[in-house]
Amino acid sequence: MWERELQVAEQAARRAGAIIRDFYEHGVPVEYKDRARDNPVTAADTEADACIQELVRDNFPDDGWLSEETRDSHERLARRRVWIVDPLDGTKEFVQHIPELCVCIGLVEDGRAVLGVSYNPITDELFAGVRGRGLTVNGVGAHVSATAELAGARVLASRSENSRGEWDAFKPHVRVELTGSVAFKLALIGAGRSDGTFSLTPKHEWDICSGAALIEAGGGRITDCYGEPLLFNRAKPLLPGLIATNAALYEPIRELIARVAPPR
């Protein structure tokens, strides 16, 4: 089960990654989706999106589709299976030539993320996982870390959230490491290279979907920032925040958040 879906997702991620890598090496003009110039978009985003969409829809024409770079259609709400995609998560890092970004392809069935592929084309690392069947990195099995104590736990944080001071209260309690791309953070945690991350800032479904599948496939735990299960393919594809960790650190981190800076 899911073999064909996983094969197509991996193929699509690598093809889109080749497009992104070429732009990364040779440069690309940058536009912005807002006046604050805080949400960049490039031809790498849109061309990678078209590449993924063509391959996925050719193979699974009856499935729904939700992507950051495609105009949304509520037709997806009537589908049991929906592909949720961010063709380039970490565009800010991409523009700055920071190799912390990835192509994100997730498959949702009845609102649950069941399959995830996150590919970093700069480091050539492909994280792939199916819920209940494990996670691989470039074909080699991986799983979440065994860290159980907050002291010394490696917790990945958003640079923009850190610059706003949102991580200051947590730094005395955990080892905070600044890392780009939400999806890349989740992939690293699923593969045991870091121990956890969280955000009290709303996140779009396409930022989280593939990584949520990877976390669960790797043996970790992920919820929204209130501890509720993540449900995808909502009419408004925005989640209130998240907590993602290995299995052992979930409750200690949730308790830390409640003590230091509870979600509003």
Protein backbone atom coordinates (compact mmCIF):
# COMPACT_ATOMS: atom_id res chain seq x y z
CA MET A 1 0.00 0.00 0.00
CA TRP A 2 1.19 3.50 -0.94
CA GLU A 3 4.10 2.17 -3.02
CA ARG A 4 2.98 3.88 -6.22
CA GLU A 5 2.11 7.10 -4.43
CA LEU A 6 5.50 7.17 -2.74
CA GLN A 7 7.30 6.46 -6.00
CA VAL A 8 5.47 9.28 -7.80
CA ALA A 9 6.05 11.72 -4.91
CA GLU A 10 9.77 10.95 -4.83
CA GLN A 11 10.05 11.33 -8.60
CA ALA A 12 8.15 14.63 -8.54
CA ALA A 13 10.27 15.96 -5.67
CA ARG A 14 13.52 15.18 -7.47
CA ARG A 15 12.33 16.71 -10.74
CA ALA A 16 11.17 19.87 -8.98
CA GLY A 17 14.40 19.88 -6.99
CA ALA A 18 16.45 19.92 -10.18
CA ILE A 19 14.58 23.07 -11.26
CA ILE A 20 15.20 24.72 -7.89
CA ARG A 21 18.88 23.73 -7.82
CA ASP A 22 19.45 25.26 -11.25
CA PHE A 23 17.94 28.58 -10.16
CA TYR A 24 19.86 28.41 -6.86
CA GLU A 25 23.14 28.11 -8.74
CA HIS A 26 22.42 30.67 -11.46
CA GLY A 27 20.13 33.19 -9.76
CA VAL A 28 16.53 34.27 -10.28
CA PRO A 29 14.56 37.55 -9.93
CA VAL A 30 12.55 37.87 -6.72
CA GLU A 31 9.02 39.23 -6.36
CA TYR A 32 6.98 39.70 -3.19
CA LYS A 33 3.42 38.68 -2.34
CA ASP A 34 2.94 41.52 0.15
CA ARG A 35 3.93 45.13 0.69
CA ALA A 36 6.04 44.20 3.70
CA ARG A 37 8.35 42.30 1.33
CA ASP A 38 8.26 39.45 3.84
CA ASN A 39 6.86 36.78 1.52
CA PRO A 40 9.10 36.31 -1.53
CA VAL A 41 8.24 34.23 -4.59
CA THR A 42 10.40 33.32 -7.56
CA ALA A 43 10.18 31.44 -10.83
CA ALA A 44 11.71 28.52 -8.96
CA ASP A 45 8.53 28.29 -6.84
CA THR A 46 6.12 28.44 -9.76
CA GLU A 47 8.04 26.19 -12.15
CA ALA A 48 8.58 23.56 -9.45
CA ASP A 49 4.87 23.72 -8.63
CA ALA A 50 3.88 23.12 -12.27
CA CYS A 51 6.30 20.20 -12.49
CA ILE A 52 4.90 18.48 -9.39
CA GLN A 53 1.30 19.14 -10.32
CA GLU A 54 1.68 17.66 -13.80
CA LEU A 55 3.23 14.43 -12.53
CA VAL A 56 0.84 13.96 -9.61
CA ARG A 57 -2.31 14.74 -11.56
CA ASP A 58 -1.27 12.55 -14.48
CA ASN A 59 -0.95 9.60 -12.10
CA PHE A 60 -3.80 10.36 -9.68
CA PRO A 61 -6.40 12.41 -11.56
CA ASP A 62 -9.18 11.73 -9.05
CA ASP A 63 -7.28 13.11 -6.05
CA GLY A 64 -7.62 16.66 -4.74
CA TRP A 65 -4.85 19.26 -4.89
CA LEU A 66 -3.75 22.07 -2.56
CA SER A 67 -0.53 24.00 -3.14
CA GLU A 68 0.87 27.31 -2.00
CA GLU A 69 1.51 28.33 -5.61
CA THR A 70 -1.78 27.16 -7.16
CA ARG A 71 -5.07 29.04 -6.92
CA ASP A 72 -7.15 27.12 -4.40
CA SER A 73 -10.38 25.36 -5.35
CA HIS A 74 -12.83 24.10 -2.76
CA GLU A 75 -13.45 21.09 -4.98
CA ARG A 76 -10.71 19.44 -2.92
CA LEU A 77 -13.02 19.44 0.13
CA ALA A 78 -15.13 16.71 -1.47
CA ARG A 79 -12.12 14.41 -2.02
CA ARG A 80 -10.99 11.75 0.46
CA ARG A 81 -7.43 11.95 -0.85
CA VAL A 82 -5.69 15.27 -1.35
CA TRP A 83 -2.10 16.10 -2.27
CA ILE A 84 -0.81 19.07 -0.25
CA VAL A 85 2.30 20.67 -1.69
CA ASP A 86 4.78 23.44 -1.09
CA PRO A 87 7.08 23.35 -4.11
CA LEU A 88 9.72 25.40 -2.30
CA ASP A 89 9.46 25.77 1.44
CA GLY A 90 12.18 28.16 2.56
CA THR A 91 12.08 30.71 -0.25
CA LYS A 92 13.72 33.29 2.05
CA GLU A 93 16.64 30.93 2.58
CA PHE A 94 16.70 30.12 -1.14
CA VAL A 95 17.03 33.81 -2.01
CA GLN A 96 19.82 34.25 0.57
CA HIS A 97 21.63 31.07 -0.54
CA ILE A 98 21.13 29.35 2.80
CA PRO A 99 20.76 25.61 2.02
CA GLU A 100 17.86 25.04 4.45
CA LEU A 101 14.90 24.51 2.15
CA CYS A 102 12.94 21.70 0.58
CA VAL A 103 10.33 20.53 -1.85
CA CYS A 104 7.35 19.28 0.18
CA ILE A 105 4.81 16.75 -1.08
CA GLY A 106 2.25 15.30 1.32
CA LEU A 107 -0.72 13.02 0.79
CA VAL A 108 -3.77 13.30 3.03
CA GLU A 109 -6.54 10.74 3.39
CA ASP A 110 -9.66 11.68 5.36
CA GLY A 111 -7.81 14.65 6.85
CA ARG A 112 -4.76 12.71 8.09
CA ALA A 113 -1.29 13.02 6.61
CA VAL A 114 -0.40 9.48 5.50
CA LEU A 115 2.63 10.04 3.26
CA GLY A 116 5.33 12.67 3.08
CA VAL A 117 8.32 13.42 0.87
CA SER A 118 10.58 16.38 1.64
CA TYR A 119 13.58 16.89 -0.62
CA ASN A 120 16.44 19.33 -0.09
CA PRO A 121 17.89 19.71 -3.60
CA ILE A 122 20.92 21.66 -2.39
CA THR A 123 22.15 18.94 -0.02
CA ASP A 124 20.56 16.18 -2.16
CA GLU A 125 18.71 14.64 0.80
CA LEU A 126 15.35 13.01 0.21
CA PHE A 127 13.28 12.29 3.32
CA ALA A 128 10.40 9.90 2.61
CA GLY A 129 7.93 8.29 4.96
CA VAL A 130 4.58 6.56 5.24
CA ARG A 131 2.68 6.56 8.51
CA GLY A 132 3.12 3.20 10.20
CA ARG A 133 5.77 2.05 7.72
CA GLY A 134 8.85 4.04 8.65
CA LEU A 135 11.06 6.80 7.28
CA THR A 136 14.10 6.80 5.02
CA VAL A 137 16.73 9.35 4.05
CA ASN A 138 18.07 8.64 0.56
CA GLY A 139 16.78 5.10 0.96
CA VAL A 140 18.39 4.42 4.34
CA GLY A 141 16.14 3.84 7.36
CA ALA A 142 15.99 6.56 10.02
CA HIS A 143 13.93 7.43 13.09
CA VAL A 144 13.51 10.09 15.75
CA SER A 145 16.08 10.65 18.49
CA ALA A 146 15.87 9.21 22.00
CA THR A 147 16.58 12.48 23.85
CA ALA A 148 14.32 12.63 26.92
CA GLU A 149 15.57 15.62 28.92
CA LEU A 150 14.90 19.27 28.10
CA ALA A 151 18.37 20.29 29.19
CA GLY A 152 20.54 19.85 26.14
CA ALA A 153 17.64 19.05 23.81
CA ARG A 154 18.21 20.47 20.33
CA VAL A 155 15.14 22.49 19.40
CA LEU A 156 14.91 24.07 15.95
CA ALA A 157 13.61 27.62 15.73
CA SER A 158 12.49 29.99 12.98
CA ARG A 159 14.87 32.86 12.30
CA SER A 160 12.01 35.31 11.84
CA GLU A 161 10.34 34.22 15.08
CA ASN A 162 13.69 34.51 16.86
CA SER A 163 14.26 38.02 15.49
CA ARG A 164 10.87 39.02 16.93
CA GLY A 165 11.97 37.78 20.36
CA GLU A 166 9.54 34.86 20.44
CA TRP A 167 12.24 32.38 21.50
CA ASP A 168 13.92 34.47 24.20
CA ALA A 169 11.95 32.91 27.06
CA PHE A 170 12.81 29.37 25.95
CA LYS A 171 16.56 29.76 25.50
CA PRO A 172 17.41 29.14 29.19
CA HIS A 173 15.63 25.77 29.02
CA VAL A 174 16.64 24.16 25.70
CA ARG A 175 19.37 24.44 23.09
CA VAL A 176 17.81 26.61 20.39
CA GLU A 177 19.19 26.19 16.86
CA LEU A 178 18.04 28.57 14.11
CA THR A 179 16.99 26.69 10.99
CA GLY A 180 15.10 27.70 7.85
CA SER A 181 11.97 26.07 6.37
CA VAL A 182 9.32 24.58 8.64
CA ALA A 183 9.21 21.45 6.50
CA PHE A 184 12.98 21.02 6.65
CA LYS A 185 12.87 21.28 10.44
CA LEU A 186 10.25 18.55 10.60
CA ALA A 187 12.24 16.30 8.28
CA LEU A 188 15.36 16.68 10.43
CA ILE A 189 13.40 15.80 13.57
CA GLY A 190 11.76 12.79 11.94
CA ALA A 191 15.21 11.52 10.95
CA GLY A 192 16.65 12.01 14.44
CA ARG A 193 19.01 14.86 13.60
CA SER A 194 17.29 17.20 16.05
CA ASP A 195 14.87 16.66 18.90
CA GLY A 196 11.95 19.02 18.41
CA THR A 197 10.44 22.26 17.23
CA PHE A 198 7.36 24.30 17.97
CA SER A 199 5.66 27.46 16.86
CA LEU A 200 2.86 29.49 18.40
CA THR A 201 2.43 31.32 15.09
CA PRO A 202 -0.17 30.03 12.59
CA LYS A 203 1.19 27.91 9.75
CA HIS A 204 -0.33 26.91 6.43
CA GLU A 205 -1.12 23.28 5.77
CA TRP A 206 1.40 23.09 2.92
CA ASP A 207 4.19 24.10 5.33
CA ILE A 208 3.45 21.17 7.62
CA CYS A 209 1.75 18.31 5.77
CA SER A 210 4.74 16.38 4.40
CA GLY A 211 6.68 16.90 7.61
CA ALA A 212 3.79 15.71 9.77
CA ALA A 213 3.82 12.41 7.89
CA LEU A 214 7.60 12.18 8.32
CA ILE A 215 7.44 12.86 12.06
CA GLU A 216 4.89 10.09 12.59
CA ALA A 217 6.67 7.71 10.22
CA GLY A 218 9.89 8.25 12.19
CA GLY A 219 8.21 7.49 15.52
CA GLY A 220 7.70 11.04 16.75
CA ARG A 221 4.67 13.05 17.74
CA ILE A 222 3.13 16.16 16.20
CA THR A 223 0.05 18.19 17.14
CA ASP A 224 -1.10 21.77 16.88
CA CYS A 225 0.15 24.15 19.55
CA TYR A 226 -2.86 23.33 21.77
CA GLY A 227 -2.15 19.60 21.71
CA GLU A 228 -4.92 18.77 19.26
CA PRO A 229 -4.39 16.31 16.36
CA LEU A 230 -3.54 17.88 13.01
CA LEU A 231 -6.36 17.71 10.48
CA PHE A 232 -5.66 18.74 6.90
CA ASN A 233 -7.72 19.73 3.87
CA ARG A 234 -9.74 22.33 5.73
CA ALA A 235 -11.68 25.08 4.01
CA LYS A 236 -9.21 27.60 5.43
CA PRO A 237 -5.86 25.77 5.25
CA LEU A 238 -4.28 27.50 8.25
CA LEU A 239 -3.24 25.72 11.44
CA PRO A 240 -2.82 27.59 14.76
CA GLY A 241 0.79 26.47 15.29
CA LEU A 242 2.51 23.21 16.08
CA ILE A 243 4.52 21.07 18.47
CA ALA A 244 6.69 18.38 16.89
CA THR A 245 9.15 16.22 18.80
CA ASN A 246 10.53 12.77 19.26
CA ALA A 247 8.21 10.64 21.39
CA ALA A 248 9.95 11.29 24.73
CA LEU A 249 10.10 15.09 24.61
CA TYR A 250 6.53 15.87 23.62
CA GLU A 251 5.05 16.25 27.11
CA PRO A 252 8.09 18.10 28.58
CA ILE A 253 8.02 20.61 25.71
CA ARG A 254 4.28 21.07 25.92
CA GLU A 255 4.58 21.70 29.67
CA LEU A 256 7.42 24.17 29.02
CA ILE A 257 5.28 26.11 26.56
CA ALA A 258 2.37 26.21 29.01
CA ARG A 259 4.68 27.48 31.77
CA VAL A 260 6.73 30.00 29.83
CA ALA A 261 4.60 31.31 26.97
CA PRO A 262 1.20 29.64 26.58
CA PRO A 263 -0.52 29.96 23.17
CA ARG A 264 -2.94 32.86 22.99
